[in-house]
C-alpha atoms as a PDB file:
ATOM      1  CA  UNK A   1      35.283 -10.760  39.709  1.00  0.00           C
ATOM      2  CA  UNK A   2      31.815  -9.257  40.022  1.00  0.00           C
ATOM      3  CA  UNK A   3      30.671  -6.575  37.632  1.00  0.00           C
ATOM      4  CA  UNK A   4      29.949  -3.224  39.215  1.00  0.00           C
ATOM      5  CA  UNK A   5      26.373  -1.751  39.062  1.00  0.00           C
ATOM      6  CA  UNK A   6      22.908  -3.019  39.499  1.00  0.00           C
ATOM      7  CA  UNK A   7      21.735  -6.286  38.689  1.00  0.00           C
ATOM      8  CA  UNK A   8      19.372  -6.615  35.746  1.00  0.00           C
ATOM      9  CA  UNK A   9      15.673  -6.806  36.544  1.00  0.00           C
ATOM     10  CA  UNK A  10      13.749  -9.918  36.029  1.00  0.00           C
ATOM     11  CA  UNK A  11      11.317  -8.871  33.456  1.00  0.00           C
ATOM     12  CA  UNK A  12      11.332  -5.810  31.060  1.00  0.00           C
ATOM     13  CA  UNK A  13       8.620  -3.335  31.774  1.00  0.00           C
ATOM     14  CA  UNK A  14       7.344  -1.099  28.886  1.00  0.00           C
ATOM     15  CA  UNK A  15       6.921   2.195  30.686  1.00  0.00           C
ATOM     16  CA  UNK A  16       5.400   4.039  27.896  1.00  0.00           C
ATOM     17  CA  UNK A  17       3.187   1.572  25.907  1.00  0.00           C
ATOM     18  CA  UNK A  18       2.192   2.693  22.345  1.00  0.00           C
ATOM     19  CA  UNK A  19      -1.059   4.534  22.153  1.00  0.00           C
ATOM     20  CA  UNK A  20      -1.291   4.263  18.466  1.00  0.00           C
ATOM     21  CA  UNK A  21      -3.364   1.238  17.079  1.00  0.00           C
ATOM     22  CA  UNK A  22      -2.179  -0.464  13.959  1.00  0.00           C
ATOM     23  CA  UNK A  23      -5.006  -0.420  11.282  1.00  0.00           C
ATOM     24  CA  UNK A  24      -5.637  -3.730   9.506  1.00  0.00           C
ATOM     25  CA  UNK A  25      -7.249  -4.202   6.062  1.00  0.00           C
ATOM     26  CA  UNK A  26      -7.897  -7.411   4.253  1.00  0.00           C
ATOM     27  CA  UNK A  27      -5.364  -7.750   1.233  1.00  0.00           C
ATOM     28  CA  UNK A  28      -8.069  -7.837  -1.335  1.00  0.00           C
ATOM     29  CA  UNK A  29      -8.766  -5.204  -3.905  1.00  0.00           C
ATOM     30  CA  UNK A  30     -11.387  -2.776  -3.175  1.00  0.00           C
ATOM     31  CA  UNK A  31     -14.396  -3.500  -5.501  1.00  0.00           C
ATOM     32  CA  UNK A  32     -16.500  -0.217  -4.869  1.00  0.00           C
ATOM     33  CA  UNK A  33     -18.805   1.269  -4.844  1.00  0.00           C
ATOM     34  CA  UNK A  34     -16.662   4.363  -5.712  1.00  0.00           C
ATOM     35  CA  UNK A  35     -18.387   7.713  -5.057  1.00  0.00           C
ATOM     36  CA  UNK A  36     -16.415   9.446  -7.786  1.00  0.00           C
ATOM     37  CA  UNK A  37     -15.149   8.709 -11.319  1.00  0.00           C
ATOM     38  CA  UNK A  38     -12.580  10.374 -13.459  1.00  0.00           C
ATOM     39  CA  UNK A  39     -13.788  12.976 -16.033  1.00  0.00           C
ATOM     40  CA  UNK A  40     -12.791  12.317 -19.588  1.00  0.00           C
ATOM     41  CA  UNK A  41     -11.362  15.800 -20.130  1.00  0.00           C
ATOM     42  CA  UNK A  42      -9.644  18.466 -18.099  1.00  0.00           C
ATOM     43  CA  UNK A  43      -9.304  22.226 -18.755  1.00  0.00           C
ATOM     44  CA  UNK A  44      -5.866  23.896 -18.720  1.00  0.00           C
ATOM     45  CA  UNK A  45      -5.057  27.568 -19.080  1.00  0.00           C
ATOM     46  CA  UNK A  46      -2.774  28.653 -21.690  1.00  0.00           C
ATOM     47  CA  UNK A  47      -1.683  32.118 -22.939  1.00  0.00           C
ATOM     48  CA  UNK A  48      -4.220  31.780 -25.578  1.00  0.00           C
ATOM     49  CA  UNK A  49      -6.992  30.980 -23.107  1.00  0.00           C
ATOM     50  CA  UNK A  50      -8.507  27.964 -21.788  1.00  0.00           C
ATOM     51  CA  UNK A  51      -8.137  24.682 -23.564  1.00  0.00           C
ATOM     52  CA  UNK A  52     -10.037  21.456 -22.950  1.00  0.00           C
ATOM     53  CA  UNK A  53      -7.678  18.261 -23.499  1.00  0.00           C
ATOM     54  CA  UNK A  54      -8.505  14.634 -22.860  1.00  0.00           C
ATOM     55  CA  UNK A  55      -6.757  12.830 -19.911  1.00  0.00           C
ATOM     56  CA  UNK A  56      -3.984  10.511 -20.796  1.00  0.00           C
ATOM     57  CA  UNK A  57      -4.522   6.802 -20.900  1.00  0.00           C
ATOM     58  CA  UNK A  58      -1.818   6.498 -18.144  1.00  0.00           C
ATOM     59  CA  UNK A  59      -3.909   8.541 -15.826  1.00  0.00           C
ATOM     60  CA  UNK A  60      -6.819   6.276 -16.261  1.00  0.00           C
ATOM     61  CA  UNK A  61      -4.560   3.482 -15.599  1.00  0.00           C
ATOM     62  CA  UNK A  62      -3.218   5.121 -12.435  1.00  0.00           C
ATOM     63  CA  UNK A  63      -6.745   5.755 -11.184  1.00  0.00           C
ATOM     64  CA  UNK A  64      -7.839   2.307 -11.808  1.00  0.00           C
ATOM     65  CA  UNK A  65      -4.820   1.063  -9.628  1.00  0.00           C
ATOM     66  CA  UNK A  66      -5.346   3.466  -6.831  1.00  0.00           C
ATOM     67  CA  UNK A  67      -9.045   3.084  -6.525  1.00  0.00           C
ATOM     68  CA  UNK A  68      -8.560  -0.635  -5.964  1.00  0.00           C
ATOM     69  CA  UNK A  69      -6.167  -0.296  -2.994  1.00  0.00           C
ATOM     70  CA  UNK A  70      -7.346  -2.443  -0.087  1.00  0.00           C
ATOM     71  CA  UNK A  71      -7.418   0.447   2.298  1.00  0.00           C
ATOM     72  CA  UNK A  72      -9.652   2.618  -0.017  1.00  0.00           C
ATOM     73  CA  UNK A  73     -12.627   1.006   1.775  1.00  0.00           C
ATOM     74  CA  UNK A  74     -11.996   3.398   4.495  1.00  0.00           C
ATOM     75  CA  UNK A  75     -11.810   6.535   2.362  1.00  0.00           C
ATOM     76  CA  UNK A  76     -14.559   9.260   2.772  1.00  0.00           C
ATOM     77  CA  UNK A  77     -15.992  11.581   0.041  1.00  0.00           C
ATOM     78  CA  UNK A  78     -13.217  14.254   0.833  1.00  0.00           C
ATOM     79  CA  UNK A  79     -10.352  11.524   0.223  1.00  0.00           C
ATOM     80  CA  UNK A  80     -12.024  10.368  -2.969  1.00  0.00           C
ATOM     81  CA  UNK A  81     -12.170  13.986  -4.081  1.00  0.00           C
ATOM     82  CA  UNK A  82      -8.514  14.315  -3.284  1.00  0.00           C
ATOM     83  CA  UNK A  83      -7.584  11.138  -5.332  1.00  0.00           C
ATOM     84  CA  UNK A  84      -9.619  12.494  -8.250  1.00  0.00           C
ATOM     85  CA  UNK A  85      -8.041  15.906  -7.930  1.00  0.00           C
ATOM     86  CA  UNK A  86      -4.506  14.237  -7.795  1.00  0.00           C
ATOM     87  CA  UNK A  87      -5.510  12.216 -11.011  1.00  0.00           C
ATOM     88  CA  UNK A  88      -6.605  15.116 -13.103  1.00  0.00           C
ATOM     89  CA  UNK A  89      -4.229  17.935 -12.099  1.00  0.00           C
ATOM     90  CA  UNK A  90      -1.033  16.037 -10.890  1.00  0.00           C
ATOM     91  CA  UNK A  91      -0.758  12.708 -12.447  1.00  0.00           C
ATOM     92  CA  UNK A  92      -1.994  13.844 -15.956  1.00  0.00           C
ATOM     93  CA  UNK A  93       0.441  16.708 -15.850  1.00  0.00           C
ATOM     94  CA  UNK A  94       3.150  14.197 -14.820  1.00  0.00           C
ATOM     95  CA  UNK A  95       2.239  12.019 -17.711  1.00  0.00           C
ATOM     96  CA  UNK A  96       2.608  14.841 -19.961  1.00  0.00           C
ATOM     97  CA  UNK A  97       6.296  15.372 -18.697  1.00  0.00           C
ATOM     98  CA  UNK A  98       5.990  18.413 -16.126  1.00  0.00           C
ATOM     99  CA  UNK A  99       8.870  17.524 -13.694  1.00  0.00           C
ATOM    100  CA  UNK A 100       7.237  19.464 -10.755  1.00  0.00           C
ATOM    101  CA  UNK A 101       4.059  17.464 -11.157  1.00  0.00           C
ATOM    102  CA  UNK A 102       6.024  14.206 -10.957  1.00  0.00           C
ATOM    103  CA  UNK A 103       7.419  15.360  -7.553  1.00  0.00           C
ATOM    104  CA  UNK A 104       3.882  16.308  -6.486  1.00  0.00           C
ATOM    105  CA  UNK A 105       2.674  12.987  -7.403  1.00  0.00           C
ATOM    106  CA  UNK A 106       5.136  11.200  -5.510  1.00  0.00           C
ATOM    107  CA  UNK A 107       4.550  13.150  -2.322  1.00  0.00           C
ATOM    108  CA  UNK A 108       0.711  12.737  -2.629  1.00  0.00           C
ATOM    109  CA  UNK A 109       1.047   8.982  -3.308  1.00  0.00           C
ATOM    110  CA  UNK A 110       3.180   8.584  -0.261  1.00  0.00           C
ATOM    111  CA  UNK A 111       1.785  11.240   2.123  1.00  0.00           C
ATOM    112  CA  UNK A 112      -2.036  10.959   1.655  1.00  0.00           C
ATOM    113  CA  UNK A 113      -3.031   8.146  -0.810  1.00  0.00           C
ATOM    114  CA  UNK A 114      -0.471   5.682   1.042  1.00  0.00           C
ATOM    115  CA  UNK A 115       0.274   3.680  -2.222  1.00  0.00           C
ATOM    116  CA  UNK A 116       3.694   2.822  -1.146  1.00  0.00           C
ATOM    117  CA  UNK A 117       4.599   0.097   1.440  1.00  0.00           C
ATOM    118  CA  UNK A 118       6.915   2.575   3.246  1.00  0.00           C
ATOM    119  CA  UNK A 119       4.074   5.138   3.717  1.00  0.00           C
ATOM    120  CA  UNK A 120       1.595   2.409   5.032  1.00  0.00           C
ATOM    121  CA  UNK A 121       4.171   1.340   7.398  1.00  0.00           C
ATOM    122  CA  UNK A 122       4.618   4.850   8.635  1.00  0.00           C
ATOM    123  CA  UNK A 123       0.877   4.993   9.063  1.00  0.00           C
ATOM    124  CA  UNK A 124       0.729   1.908  11.135  1.00  0.00           C
ATOM    125  CA  UNK A 125      -1.354   0.247   8.422  1.00  0.00           C
ATOM    126  CA  UNK A 126      -1.113  -3.568   7.794  1.00  0.00           C
ATOM    127  CA  UNK A 127      -2.481  -5.761   5.021  1.00  0.00           C
ATOM    128  CA  UNK A 128      -3.693  -9.095   6.400  1.00  0.00           C
ATOM    129  CA  UNK A 129      -4.217 -11.984   4.079  1.00  0.00           C
ATOM    130  CA  UNK A 130      -7.905 -13.435   4.055  1.00  0.00           C
ATOM    131  CA  UNK A 131      -8.435 -16.645   5.966  1.00  0.00           C
ATOM    132  CA  UNK A 132      -9.134 -18.532   2.869  1.00  0.00           C
ATOM    133  CA  UNK A 133      -5.749 -17.718   1.413  1.00  0.00           C
ATOM    134  CA  UNK A 134      -3.964 -18.611   4.566  1.00  0.00           C
ATOM    135  CA  UNK A 135      -5.845 -21.873   4.728  1.00  0.00           C
ATOM    136  CA  UNK A 136      -5.180 -22.610   1.093  1.00  0.00           C
ATOM    137  CA  UNK A 137      -1.233 -22.092   1.598  1.00  0.00           C
ATOM    138  CA  UNK A 138      -1.379 -24.230   4.674  1.00  0.00           C
ATOM    139  CA  UNK A 139      -3.008 -26.961   2.618  1.00  0.00           C
ATOM    140  CA  UNK A 140      -0.351 -26.858  -0.125  1.00  0.00           C
ATOM    141  CA  UNK A 141       2.428 -26.854   2.600  1.00  0.00           C
ATOM    142  CA  UNK A 142       0.750 -29.881   4.302  1.00  0.00           C
ATOM    143  CA  UNK A 143       1.329 -31.745   0.875  1.00  0.00           C
ATOM    144  CA  UNK A 144       4.998 -31.511   1.233  1.00  0.00           C
ATOM    145  CA  UNK A 145       6.749 -34.926   1.415  1.00  0.00           C
ATOM    146  CA  UNK A 146       8.954 -35.725   4.345  1.00  0.00           C
ATOM    147  CA  UNK A 147      12.700 -35.851   3.048  1.00  0.00           C
ATOM    148  CA  UNK A 148      14.016 -37.635   6.204  1.00  0.00           C
ATOM    149  CA  UNK A 149      13.950 -40.987   4.368  1.00  0.00           C
ATOM    150  CA  UNK A 150      15.841 -39.626   1.430  1.00  0.00           C
ATOM    151  CA  UNK A 151      18.403 -37.794   3.678  1.00  0.00           C
ATOM    152  CA  UNK A 152      19.008 -41.126   5.460  1.00  0.00           C
ATOM    153  CA  UNK A 153      19.540 -42.968   2.265  1.00  0.00           C
ATOM    154  CA  UNK A 154      21.976 -40.447   0.990  1.00  0.00           C
ATOM    155  CA  UNK A 155      23.927 -40.609   4.133  1.00  0.00           C
ATOM    156  CA  UNK A 156      24.110 -44.316   4.063  1.00  0.00           C
ATOM    157  CA  UNK A 157      25.216 -44.364   0.547  1.00  0.00           C
ATOM    158  CA  UNK A 158      28.168 -41.896   1.221  1.00  0.00           C
END
């Protein structure tokens, strides 16, 4: 019995192709030059006035990690300023235990800095392995021995 309706078309046609290009970056750490560095201290305002405090060690570790992201090569001066501002005002406060700063840090990392894989996926950003790494993996895979003779021997003994 025939199924009612039109017959399917031969080839699927994309009527609205994507206009957004995927941005590709080599999956290697960015080695600089970095236009901005972190200051050693930050100034906070208390009820007694302004106080200068040193940045937490965790803040420096966070900045070292972020400034080496592979896509940092595409950042301009304004984006570097945003990263330094995030480190000094948000990450350092979060490391001191301020809960609202922790939320702000998570939002900035996901939204602008693109530190998470999910945020890079949403921004259509892809990290590609360098050719040397791909060739090295291919060479390692080429050294794998063929197991068909062992399989045949095991099946013959069974």
